[in-house]
PDB file of N, CA and C in Angstrom:
ATOM      1  N   UNK A   1      91.361 105.900 109.377  1.00  0.00           N
ATOM      2  CA  UNK A   1      92.419 105.993 110.360  1.00  0.00           C
ATOM      3  C   UNK A   1      93.668 105.313 109.796  1.00  0.00           C
ATOM      4  N   UNK A   2      94.777 105.966 109.866  1.00  0.00           N
ATOM      5  CA  UNK A   2      96.030 105.388 109.404  1.00  0.00           C
ATOM      6  C   UNK A   2      96.626 104.517 110.497  1.00  0.00           C
ATOM      7  N   UNK A   3      97.495 103.602 110.072  1.00  0.00           N
ATOM      8  CA  UNK A   3      98.130 102.686 111.015  1.00  0.00           C
ATOM      9  C   UNK A   3      99.626 102.661 110.765  1.00  0.00           C
ATOM     10  N   UNK A   4     100.373 102.222 111.762  1.00  0.00           N
ATOM     11  CA  UNK A   4     101.801 101.990 111.559  1.00  0.00           C
ATOM     12  C   UNK A   4     102.103 100.492 111.520  1.00  0.00           C
ATOM     13  N   UNK A   5     101.044  99.660 111.446  1.00  0.00           N
ATOM     14  CA  UNK A   5     101.236  98.210 111.391  1.00  0.00           C
ATOM     15  C   UNK A   5     101.773  97.753 110.044  1.00  0.00           C
ATOM     16  N   UNK A   6     101.459  98.513 108.980  1.00  0.00           N
ATOM     17  CA  UNK A   6     101.909  98.161 107.637  1.00  0.00           C
ATOM     18  C   UNK A   6     101.921  99.413 106.774  1.00  0.00           C
ATOM     19  N   UNK A   7     102.553  99.309 105.611  1.00  0.00           N
ATOM     20  CA  UNK A   7     102.539 100.377 104.622  1.00  0.00           C
ATOM     21  C   UNK A   7     102.164  99.767 103.278  1.00  0.00           C
ATOM     22  N   UNK A   8     101.818 100.616 102.325  1.00  0.00           N
ATOM     23  CA  UNK A   8     101.542 100.161 100.968  1.00  0.00           C
ATOM     24  C   UNK A   8     102.491 100.877 100.008  1.00  0.00           C
ATOM     25  N   UNK A   9     102.655 100.309  98.825  1.00  0.00           N
ATOM     26  CA  UNK A   9     103.564 100.912  97.847  1.00  0.00           C
ATOM     27  C   UNK A   9     102.931 102.067  97.084  1.00  0.00           C
ATOM     28  N   UNK A  10     101.649 102.308  97.314  1.00  0.00           N
ATOM     29  CA  UNK A  10     100.959 103.383  96.616  1.00  0.00           C
ATOM     30  C   UNK A  10      99.777 103.838  97.446  1.00  0.00           C
ATOM     31  N   UNK A  11      99.441 105.127  97.347  1.00  0.00           N
ATOM     32  CA  UNK A  11      98.245 105.590  98.037  1.00  0.00           C
ATOM     33  C   UNK A  11      97.080 105.782  97.081  1.00  0.00           C
ATOM     34  N   UNK A  12      97.305 105.459  95.783  1.00  0.00           N
ATOM     35  CA  UNK A  12      96.211 105.511  94.817  1.00  0.00           C
ATOM     36  C   UNK A  12      96.525 104.610  93.624  1.00  0.00           C
ATOM     37  N   UNK A  13      95.464 104.195  92.948  1.00  0.00           N
ATOM     38  CA  UNK A  13      95.574 103.393  91.732  1.00  0.00           C
ATOM     39  C   UNK A  13      94.744 104.091  90.668  1.00  0.00           C
ATOM     40  N   UNK A  14      95.331 104.341  89.522  1.00  0.00           N
ATOM     41  CA  UNK A  14      94.601 104.960  88.418  1.00  0.00           C
ATOM     42  C   UNK A  14      94.326 103.890  87.366  1.00  0.00           C
ATOM     43  N   UNK A  15      93.070 103.577  87.169  1.00  0.00           N
ATOM     44  CA  UNK A  15      92.685 102.561  86.197  1.00  0.00           C
ATOM     45  C   UNK A  15      92.507 103.131  84.797  1.00  0.00           C
ATOM     46  N   UNK A  16      92.572 104.442  84.662  1.00  0.00           N
ATOM     47  CA  UNK A  16      92.402 105.044  83.343  1.00  0.00           C
ATOM     48  C   UNK A  16      90.987 104.831  82.827  1.00  0.00           C
ATOM     49  N   UNK A  17      90.857 104.697  81.524  1.00  0.00           N
ATOM     50  CA  UNK A  17      89.552 104.495  80.895  1.00  0.00           C
ATOM     51  C   UNK A  17      89.254 103.003  80.774  1.00  0.00           C
ATOM     52  N   UNK A  18      88.151 102.583  81.361  1.00  0.00           N
ATOM     53  CA  UNK A  18      87.684 101.200  81.256  1.00  0.00           C
ATOM     54  C   UNK A  18      86.254 101.257  80.733  1.00  0.00           C
ATOM     55  N   UNK A  19      86.017 100.605  79.622  1.00  0.00           N
ATOM     56  CA  UNK A  19      84.694 100.630  79.005  1.00  0.00           C
ATOM     57  C   UNK A  19      83.687  99.802  79.796  1.00  0.00           C
ATOM     58  N   UNK A  20      82.452 100.219  79.751  1.00  0.00           N
ATOM     59  CA  UNK A  20      81.366  99.479  80.386  1.00  0.00           C
ATOM     60  C   UNK A  20      81.343  98.059  79.828  1.00  0.00           C
ATOM     61  N   UNK A  21      81.301  97.072  80.691  1.00  0.00           N
ATOM     62  CA  UNK A  21      81.330  95.664  80.283  1.00  0.00           C
ATOM     63  C   UNK A  21      82.729  95.071  80.334  1.00  0.00           C
ATOM     64  N   UNK A  22      83.760  95.909  80.359  1.00  0.00           N
ATOM     65  CA  UNK A  22      85.144  95.447  80.479  1.00  0.00           C
ATOM     66  C   UNK A  22      85.589  95.531  81.935  1.00  0.00           C
ATOM     67  N   UNK A  23      86.759  94.985  82.218  1.00  0.00           N
ATOM     68  CA  UNK A  23      87.362  95.119  83.537  1.00  0.00           C
ATOM     69  C   UNK A  23      88.872  95.258  83.372  1.00  0.00           C
ATOM     70  N   UNK A  24      89.501  95.754  84.406  1.00  0.00           N
ATOM     71  CA  UNK A  24      90.952  95.923  84.403  1.00  0.00           C
ATOM     72  C   UNK A  24      91.482  95.524  85.765  1.00  0.00           C
ATOM     73  N   UNK A  25      92.574  94.769  85.768  1.00  0.00           N
ATOM     74  CA  UNK A  25      93.204  94.306  87.005  1.00  0.00           C
ATOM     75  C   UNK A  25      94.491  95.085  87.228  1.00  0.00           C
ATOM     76  N   UNK A  26      94.629  95.651  88.415  1.00  0.00           N
ATOM     77  CA  UNK A  26      95.871  96.285  88.858  1.00  0.00           C
ATOM     78  C   UNK A  26      96.167  95.744  90.243  1.00  0.00           C
ATOM     79  N   UNK A  27      97.301  96.099  90.787  1.00  0.00           N
ATOM     80  CA  UNK A  27      97.660  95.575  92.104  1.00  0.00           C
ATOM     81  C   UNK A  27      98.440  96.604  92.908  1.00  0.00           C
ATOM     82  N   UNK A  28      98.445  96.375  94.216  1.00  0.00           N
ATOM     83  CA  UNK A  28      99.301  97.133  95.109  1.00  0.00           C
ATOM     84  C   UNK A  28      99.897  96.149  96.103  1.00  0.00           C
ATOM     85  N   UNK A  29     100.926  96.575  96.810  1.00  0.00           N
ATOM     86  CA  UNK A  29     101.621  95.703  97.750  1.00  0.00           C
ATOM     87  C   UNK A  29     101.517  96.275  99.157  1.00  0.00           C
ATOM     88  N   UNK A  30     101.230  95.388 100.111  1.00  0.00           N
ATOM     89  CA  UNK A  30     101.224  95.741 101.536  1.00  0.00           C
ATOM     90  C   UNK A  30     102.519  95.198 102.132  1.00  0.00           C
ATOM     91  N   UNK A  31     103.237  96.037 102.860  1.00  0.00           N
ATOM     92  CA  UNK A  31     104.501  95.645 103.487  1.00  0.00           C
ATOM     93  C   UNK A  31     104.363  95.625 104.999  1.00  0.00           C
ATOM     94  N   UNK A  32     104.845  94.557 105.606  1.00  0.00           N
ATOM     95  CA  UNK A  32     104.926  94.461 107.060  1.00  0.00           C
ATOM     96  C   UNK A  32     106.389  94.668 107.435  1.00  0.00           C
ATOM     97  N   UNK A  33     106.718  95.841 107.948  1.00  0.00           N
ATOM     98  CA  UNK A  33     108.099  96.179 108.293  1.00  0.00           C
ATOM     99  C   UNK A  33     108.445  95.821 109.734  1.00  0.00           C
ATOM    100  N   UNK A  34     107.526  95.212 110.448  1.00  0.00           N
ATOM    101  CA  UNK A  34     107.717  94.943 111.875  1.00  0.00           C
ATOM    102  C   UNK A  34     108.222  93.528 112.142  1.00  0.00           C
ATOM    103  N   UNK A  35     108.485  93.251 113.404  1.00  0.00           N
ATOM    104  CA  UNK A  35     109.001  91.944 113.823  1.00  0.00           C
ATOM    105  C   UNK A  35     107.898  90.985 114.251  1.00  0.00           C
ATOM    106  N   UNK A  36     106.655  91.396 114.108  1.00  0.00           N
ATOM    107  CA  UNK A  36     105.523  90.528 114.428  1.00  0.00           C
ATOM    108  C   UNK A  36     104.595  90.446 113.215  1.00  0.00           C
ATOM    109  N   UNK A  37     103.874  89.358 113.120  1.00  0.00           N
ATOM    110  CA  UNK A  37     102.952  89.153 111.999  1.00  0.00           C
ATOM    111  C   UNK A  37     101.774  90.121 112.081  1.00  0.00           C
ATOM    112  N   UNK A  38     101.225  90.467 110.932  1.00  0.00           N
ATOM    113  CA  UNK A  38     100.040  91.318 110.836  1.00  0.00           C
ATOM    114  C   UNK A  38      98.972  90.540 110.085  1.00  0.00           C
ATOM    115  N   UNK A  39      97.779  90.462 110.647  1.00  0.00           N
ATOM    116  CA  UNK A  39      96.675  89.767 109.994  1.00  0.00           C
ATOM    117  C   UNK A  39      95.699  90.789 109.425  1.00  0.00           C
ATOM    118  N   UNK A  40      95.440  90.662 108.135  1.00  0.00           N
ATOM    119  CA  UNK A  40      94.463  91.508 107.456  1.00  0.00           C
ATOM    120  C   UNK A  40      93.137  90.750 107.484  1.00  0.00           C
ATOM    121  N   UNK A  41      92.114  91.377 108.065  1.00  0.00           N
ATOM    122  CA  UNK A  41      90.811  90.733 108.212  1.00  0.00           C
ATOM    123  C   UNK A  41      89.775  91.194 107.198  1.00  0.00           C
ATOM    124  N   UNK A  42      89.989  92.386 106.626  1.00  0.00           N
ATOM    125  CA  UNK A  42      88.960  92.899 105.731  1.00  0.00           C
ATOM    126  C   UNK A  42      89.549  93.907 104.750  1.00  0.00           C
ATOM    127  N   UNK A  43      89.066  93.846 103.515  1.00  0.00           N
ATOM    128  CA  UNK A  43      89.249  94.897 102.531  1.00  0.00           C
ATOM    129  C   UNK A  43      87.866  95.477 102.313  1.00  0.00           C
ATOM    130  N   UNK A  44      87.752  96.777 102.415  1.00  0.00           N
ATOM    131  CA  UNK A  44      86.461  97.425 102.213  1.00  0.00           C
ATOM    132  C   UNK A  44      86.626  98.537 101.192  1.00  0.00           C
ATOM    133  N   UNK A  45      85.769  98.542 100.203  1.00  0.00           N
ATOM    134  CA  UNK A  45      85.789  99.596  99.205  1.00  0.00           C
ATOM    135  C   UNK A  45      84.443 100.301  99.201  1.00  0.00           C
ATOM    136  N   UNK A  46      84.480 101.621  99.080  1.00  0.00           N
ATOM    137  CA  UNK A  46      83.252 102.414  99.099  1.00  0.00           C
ATOM    138  C   UNK A  46      82.463 102.309  97.795  1.00  0.00           C
ATOM    139  N   UNK A  47      82.999 101.593  96.792  1.00  0.00           N
ATOM    140  CA  UNK A  47      82.307 101.432  95.515  1.00  0.00           C
ATOM    141  C   UNK A  47      82.428  99.973  95.070  1.00  0.00           C
ATOM    142  N   UNK A  48      81.313  99.326  94.810  1.00  0.00           N
ATOM    143  CA  UNK A  48      81.306  97.903  94.468  1.00  0.00           C
ATOM    144  C   UNK A  48      81.908  97.591  93.099  1.00  0.00           C
ATOM    145  N   UNK A  49      82.267  98.617  92.333  1.00  0.00           N
ATOM    146  CA  UNK A  49      82.933  98.394  91.047  1.00  0.00           C
ATOM    147  C   UNK A  49      84.391  97.958  91.228  1.00  0.00           C
ATOM    148  N   UNK A  50      84.916  98.111  92.451  1.00  0.00           N
ATOM    149  CA  UNK A  50      86.290  97.717  92.769  1.00  0.00           C
ATOM    150  C   UNK A  50      86.244  96.515  93.706  1.00  0.00           C
ATOM    151  N   UNK A  51      86.941  95.425  93.338  1.00  0.00           N
ATOM    152  CA  UNK A  51      86.945  94.226  94.168  1.00  0.00           C
ATOM    153  C   UNK A  51      88.343  93.616  94.222  1.00  0.00           C
ATOM    154  N   UNK A  52      88.552  92.791  95.234  1.00  0.00           N
ATOM    155  CA  UNK A  52      89.778  91.999  95.334  1.00  0.00           C
ATOM    156  C   UNK A  52      89.373  90.585  95.697  1.00  0.00           C
ATOM    157  N   UNK A  53      90.068  89.607  95.115  1.00  0.00           N
ATOM    158  CA  UNK A  53      89.699  88.214  95.369  1.00  0.00           C
ATOM    159  C   UNK A  53      90.617  87.538  96.390  1.00  0.00           C
ATOM    160  N   UNK A  54      91.321  88.302  97.198  1.00  0.00           N
ATOM    161  CA  UNK A  54      92.166  87.737  98.254  1.00  0.00           C
ATOM    162  C   UNK A  54      91.268  87.053  99.281  1.00  0.00           C
ATOM    163  N   UNK A  55      91.603  85.834  99.652  1.00  0.00           N
ATOM    164  CA  UNK A  55      90.840  85.126 100.684  1.00  0.00           C
ATOM    165  C   UNK A  55      91.307  85.616 102.050  1.00  0.00           C
ATOM    166  N   UNK A  56      90.353  86.069 102.844  1.00  0.00           N
ATOM    167  CA  UNK A  56      90.654  86.636 104.157  1.00  0.00           C
ATOM    168  C   UNK A  56      90.155  85.742 105.262  1.00  0.00           C
ATOM    169  N   UNK A  57      90.765  85.783 106.432  1.00  0.00           N
ATOM    170  CA  UNK A  57      91.912  86.606 106.795  1.00  0.00           C
ATOM    171  C   UNK A  57      93.200  86.078 106.172  1.00  0.00           C
ATOM    172  N   UNK A  58      94.177  86.980 106.033  1.00  0.00           N
ATOM    173  CA  UNK A  58      95.489  86.621 105.526  1.00  0.00           C
ATOM    174  C   UNK A  58      96.530  87.253 106.445  1.00  0.00           C
ATOM    175  N   UNK A  59      97.570  86.497 106.748  1.00  0.00           N
ATOM    176  CA  UNK A  59      98.613  86.968 107.648  1.00  0.00           C
ATOM    177  C   UNK A  59      99.874  87.282 106.852  1.00  0.00           C
ATOM    178  N   UNK A  60     100.418  88.454 107.110  1.00  0.00           N
ATOM    179  CA  UNK A  60     101.680  88.860 106.499  1.00  0.00           C
ATOM    180  C   UNK A  60     102.756  88.686 107.561  1.00  0.00           C
ATOM    181  N   UNK A  61     103.692  87.824 107.288  1.00  0.00           N
ATOM    182  CA  UNK A  61     104.748  87.518 108.251  1.00  0.00           C
ATOM    183  C   UNK A  61     105.680  88.720 108.425  1.00  0.00           C
ATOM    184  N   UNK A  62     106.447  88.744 109.525  1.00  0.00           N
ATOM    185  CA  UNK A  62     107.375  89.845 109.758  1.00  0.00           C
ATOM    186  C   UNK A  62     108.321  90.042 108.574  1.00  0.00           C
ATOM    187  N   UNK A  63     108.521  91.295 108.199  1.00  0.00           N
ATOM    188  CA  UNK A  63     109.436  91.691 107.119  1.00  0.00           C
ATOM    189  C   UNK A  63     109.058  91.080 105.768  1.00  0.00           C
ATOM    190  N   UNK A  64     107.770  90.796 105.594  1.00  0.00           N
ATOM    191  CA  UNK A  64     107.288  90.207 104.350  1.00  0.00           C
ATOM    192  C   UNK A  64     106.269  91.152 103.715  1.00  0.00           C
ATOM    193  N   UNK A  65     105.707  90.753 102.588  1.00  0.00           N
ATOM    194  CA  UNK A  65     104.741  91.593 101.887  1.00  0.00           C
ATOM    195  C   UNK A  65     103.654  90.737 101.259  1.00  0.00           C
ATOM    196  N   UNK A  66     102.605  91.392 100.826  1.00  0.00           N
ATOM    197  CA  UNK A  66     101.472  90.740 100.180  1.00  0.00           C
ATOM    198  C   UNK A  66     101.050  91.578  98.990  1.00  0.00           C
ATOM    199  N   UNK A  67     100.966  90.955  97.818  1.00  0.00           N
ATOM    200  CA  UNK A  67     100.477  91.628  96.616  1.00  0.00           C
ATOM    201  C   UNK A  67      98.957  91.464  96.579  1.00  0.00           C
ATOM    202  N   UNK A  68      98.255  92.575  96.447  1.00  0.00           N
ATOM    203  CA  UNK A  68      96.791  92.581  96.463  1.00  0.00           C
ATOM    204  C   UNK A  68      96.270  92.974  95.081  1.00  0.00           C
ATOM    205  N   UNK A  69      95.623  92.039  94.381  1.00  0.00           N
ATOM    206  CA  UNK A  69      95.022  92.390  93.099  1.00  0.00           C
ATOM    207  C   UNK A  69      93.697  93.121  93.314  1.00  0.00           C
ATOM    208  N   UNK A  70      93.479  94.160  92.525  1.00  0.00           N
ATOM    209  CA  UNK A  70      92.214  94.905  92.580  1.00  0.00           C
ATOM    210  C   UNK A  70      91.655  94.953  91.168  1.00  0.00           C
ATOM    211  N   UNK A  71      90.406  94.522  91.022  1.00  0.00           N
ATOM    212  CA  UNK A  71      89.735  94.546  89.730  1.00  0.00           C
ATOM    213  C   UNK A  71      88.740  95.694  89.717  1.00  0.00           C
ATOM    214  N   UNK A  72      88.784  96.458  88.637  1.00  0.00           N
ATOM    215  CA  UNK A  72      87.800  97.519  88.421  1.00  0.00           C
ATOM    216  C   UNK A  72      86.912  97.115  87.257  1.00  0.00           C
ATOM    217  N   UNK A  73      85.618  96.976  87.536  1.00  0.00           N
ATOM    218  CA  UNK A  73      84.622  96.661  86.515  1.00  0.00           C
ATOM    219  C   UNK A  73      83.479  97.658  86.706  1.00  0.00           C
ATOM    220  N   UNK A  74      83.464  98.707  85.891  1.00  0.00           N
ATOM    221  CA  UNK A  74      82.465  99.758  86.106  1.00  0.00           C
ATOM    222  C   UNK A  74      81.038  99.254  85.929  1.00  0.00           C
ATOM    223  N   UNK A  75      80.173  99.686  86.837  1.00  0.00           N
ATOM    224  CA  UNK A  75      78.768  99.302  86.787  1.00  0.00           C
ATOM    225  C   UNK A  75      77.964 100.213  85.868  1.00  0.00           C
ATOM    226  N   UNK A  76      78.528 101.380  85.563  1.00  0.00           N
ATOM    227  CA  UNK A  76      77.894 102.323  84.644  1.00  0.00           C
ATOM    228  C   UNK A  76      78.976 103.244  84.093  1.00  0.00           C
ATOM    229  N   UNK A  77      78.619 104.090  83.153  1.00  0.00           N
ATOM    230  CA  UNK A  77      79.570 105.047  82.596  1.00  0.00           C
ATOM    231  C   UNK A  77      79.792 106.177  83.580  1.00  0.00           C
ATOM    232  N   UNK A  78      80.982 106.741  83.581  1.00  0.00           N
ATOM    233  CA  UNK A  78      81.245 107.885  84.436  1.00  0.00           C
ATOM    234  C   UNK A  78      82.666 107.879  84.964  1.00  0.00           C
ATOM    235  N   UNK A  79      82.909 108.781  85.871  1.00  0.00           N
ATOM    236  CA  UNK A  79      84.196 108.885  86.550  1.00  0.00           C
ATOM    237  C   UNK A  79      84.031 108.284  87.934  1.00  0.00           C
ATOM    238  N   UNK A  80      84.951 107.414  88.301  1.00  0.00           N
ATOM    239  CA  UNK A  80      84.856 106.704  89.568  1.00  0.00           C
ATOM    240  C   UNK A  80      86.004 107.109  90.481  1.00  0.00           C
ATOM    241  N   UNK A  81      85.668 107.323  91.735  1.00  0.00           N
ATOM    242  CA  UNK A  81      86.658 107.602  92.748  1.00  0.00           C
ATOM    243  C   UNK A  81      86.173 106.898  94.002  1.00  0.00           C
ATOM    244  N   UNK A  82      87.047 106.125  94.626  1.00  0.00           N
ATOM    245  CA  UNK A  82      86.614 105.346  95.776  1.00  0.00           C
ATOM    246  C   UNK A  82      87.769 105.171  96.758  1.00  0.00           C
ATOM    247  N   UNK A  83      87.421 104.879  97.988  1.00  0.00           N
ATOM    248  CA  UNK A  83      88.415 104.546  99.010  1.00  0.00           C
ATOM    249  C   UNK A  83      88.453 103.038  99.188  1.00  0.00           C
ATOM    250  N   UNK A  84      89.650 102.493  99.255  1.00  0.00           N
ATOM    251  CA  UNK A  84      89.856 101.064  99.482  1.00  0.00           C
ATOM    252  C   UNK A  84      90.550 100.939 100.823  1.00  0.00           C
ATOM    253  N   UNK A  85      89.836 100.434 101.822  1.00  0.00           N
ATOM    254  CA  UNK A  85      90.362 100.375 103.185  1.00  0.00           C
ATOM    255  C   UNK A  85      90.822  98.969 103.546  1.00  0.00           C
ATOM    256  N   UNK A  86      91.896  98.909 104.306  1.00  0.00           N
ATOM    257  CA  UNK A  86      92.467  97.650 104.772  1.00  0.00           C
ATOM    258  C   UNK A  86      92.300  97.622 106.284  1.00  0.00           C
ATOM    259  N   UNK A  87      91.698  96.565 106.783  1.00  0.00           N
ATOM    260  CA  UNK A  87      91.451  96.476 108.224  1.00  0.00           C
ATOM    261  C   UNK A  87      92.127  95.253 108.816  1.00  0.00           C
ATOM    262  N   UNK A  88      92.719  95.481 109.991  1.00  0.00           N
ATOM    263  CA  UNK A  88      93.358  94.380 110.721  1.00  0.00           C
ATOM    264  C   UNK A  88      92.472  93.934 111.855  1.00  0.00           C
TER     265      UNK A  88
END
């Protein structure tokens, strides 16, 4: 379900080729364009090879943003596609 509480700077992250045993860190930004704070309570990914180390809950103040690091560490060889959900 989409929300109007916040937006992100990207709707996808391409990690390219990451070898088994290696990892790659990329990031995206969450923007709060409103006049009230938004609290993020959960990041959920459909694949455990993708993680974020943000301590939750985290509050994004009005007209502020949050940079979210995402680490991809493949558990096996192959092509990975996953959904990364943000819950308030």
